[in-house]
C-alpha atoms as a PDB file:
ATOM      1  CA  MET A   1      85.261  10.766  54.104  1.00  0.00           C
ATOM      2  CA  SER A   2      87.933   8.527  52.650  1.00  0.00           C
ATOM      3  CA  LYS A   3      90.455   9.734  50.119  1.00  0.00           C
ATOM      4  CA  ARG A   4      90.579   8.266  46.636  1.00  0.00           C
ATOM      5  CA  TYR A   5      93.987   7.700  45.096  1.00  0.00           C
ATOM      6  CA  THR A   6      94.793   7.068  41.461  1.00  0.00           C
ATOM      7  CA  ALA A   7      96.086   3.678  40.397  1.00  0.00           C
ATOM      8  CA  GLU A   8      99.376   5.374  39.524  1.00  0.00           C
ATOM      9  CA  PHE A   9      99.732   6.849  43.028  1.00  0.00           C
ATOM     10  CA  LYS A  10      98.988   3.479  44.627  1.00  0.00           C
ATOM     11  CA  ARG A  11     101.498   1.661  42.415  1.00  0.00           C
ATOM     12  CA  ASP A  12     104.189   4.286  42.987  1.00  0.00           C
ATOM     13  CA  ALA A  13     103.560   4.411  46.749  1.00  0.00           C
ATOM     14  CA  VAL A  14     103.979   0.637  47.099  1.00  0.00           C
ATOM     15  CA  ALA A  15     107.059   0.654  44.862  1.00  0.00           C
ATOM     16  CA  LEU A  16     108.587   3.426  46.964  1.00  0.00           C
ATOM     17  CA  ALA A  17     107.865   1.585  50.212  1.00  0.00           C
ATOM     18  CA  LEU A  18     109.414  -1.602  48.829  1.00  0.00           C
ATOM     19  CA  SER A  19     112.544   0.086  47.521  1.00  0.00           C
ATOM     20  CA  SER A  20     113.115   2.511  50.383  1.00  0.00           C
ATOM     21  CA  GLU A  21     115.350   1.883  53.355  1.00  0.00           C
ATOM     22  CA  GLU A  22     112.866   3.883  55.450  1.00  0.00           C
ATOM     23  CA  THR A  23     110.149   2.191  57.472  1.00  0.00           C
ATOM     24  CA  VAL A  24     106.588   1.940  56.166  1.00  0.00           C
ATOM     25  CA  THR A  25     105.614   4.547  58.760  1.00  0.00           C
ATOM     26  CA  GLU A  26     108.255   6.990  57.503  1.00  0.00           C
ATOM     27  CA  VAL A  27     107.313   6.493  53.849  1.00  0.00           C
ATOM     28  CA  ALA A  28     103.624   6.885  54.667  1.00  0.00           C
ATOM     29  CA  ARG A  29     104.304  10.114  56.556  1.00  0.00           C
ATOM     30  CA  ASP A  30     106.304  11.464  53.599  1.00  0.00           C
ATOM     31  CA  LEU A  31     103.418  10.652  51.240  1.00  0.00           C
ATOM     32  CA  GLY A  32     100.737  12.045  53.537  1.00  0.00           C
ATOM     33  CA  VAL A  33      98.949   8.735  54.062  1.00  0.00           C
ATOM     34  CA  SER A  34      98.530   6.566  57.127  1.00  0.00           C
ATOM     35  CA  PRO A  35     100.858   3.598  57.637  1.00  0.00           C
ATOM     36  CA  GLU A  36      97.782   1.354  57.710  1.00  0.00           C
ATOM     37  CA  GLY A  37      96.638   2.796  54.393  1.00  0.00           C
ATOM     38  CA  LEU A  38     100.020   2.166  52.788  1.00  0.00           C
ATOM     39  CA  ARG A  39     100.054  -1.388  54.119  1.00  0.00           C
ATOM     40  CA  GLY A  40      96.572  -1.834  52.701  1.00  0.00           C
ATOM     41  CA  LEU A  41      97.782  -0.769  49.267  1.00  0.00           C
ATOM     42  CA  GLY A  42     100.546  -3.384  49.439  1.00  0.00           C
ATOM     43  CA  LYS A  43      98.216  -6.056  50.703  1.00  0.00           C
ATOM     44  CA  ALA A  44      95.669  -5.359  47.967  1.00  0.00           C
ATOM     45  CA  GLY A  45      98.195  -6.453  45.358  1.00  0.00           C
ATOM     46  CA  GLU A  46      99.221  -9.571  47.265  1.00  0.00           C
ATOM     47  CA  ASP A  47      95.908 -10.761  48.662  1.00  0.00           C
ATOM     48  CA  ARG A  48      94.799 -12.898  45.751  1.00  0.00           C
ATOM     49  CA  PRO A  49      93.745 -16.534  45.801  1.00  0.00           C
ATOM     50  CA  GLY A  50      96.723 -18.836  45.464  1.00  0.00           C
ATOM     51  CA  ARG A  51      99.230 -16.084  46.288  1.00  0.00           C
ATOM     52  CA  GLY A  52     101.228 -16.280  49.504  1.00  0.00           C
ATOM     53  CA  THR A  53      99.612 -15.938  52.884  1.00  0.00           C
ATOM     54  CA  GLY A  54      97.899 -12.595  52.400  1.00  0.00           C
ATOM     55  CA  ARG A  55     100.576 -10.840  54.469  1.00  0.00           C
ATOM     56  CA  CYS A  56     101.417  -7.365  53.342  1.00  0.00           C
ATOM     57  CA  ALA A  57     104.289  -7.228  50.847  1.00  0.00           C
ATOM     58  CA  VAL A  58     105.130  -3.713  52.017  1.00  0.00           C
ATOM     59  CA  ASP A  59     106.019  -5.006  55.492  1.00  0.00           C
ATOM     60  CA  ASN A  60     107.653  -8.111  54.104  1.00  0.00           C
ATOM     61  CA  GLY A  61     110.302  -6.781  51.753  1.00  0.00           C
ATOM     62  CA  GLY A  62     108.116  -7.278  48.705  1.00  0.00           C
ATOM     63  CA  THR A  63     107.669 -11.011  49.034  1.00  0.00           C
ATOM     64  CA  SER A  64     104.949 -13.116  50.536  1.00  0.00           C
ATOM     65  CA  PRO A  65     106.223 -16.077  52.537  1.00  0.00           C
ATOM     66  CA  GLN A  66     105.274 -19.380  50.980  1.00  0.00           C
END
């Protein structure tokens, strides 16, 4: 059974990962989510037509390479 997170939690989790000096794995552990799940939250916001390469912003310092 997958967990459902509020939009606020998702937004705050990605913002924390982007602003933290910790790794995605460390932030995910602190939040009680998997690193893959946290990366997925970051990718969901970046993976839109015409936006970057679809790479995860969480692993990429908040920017998608052009």
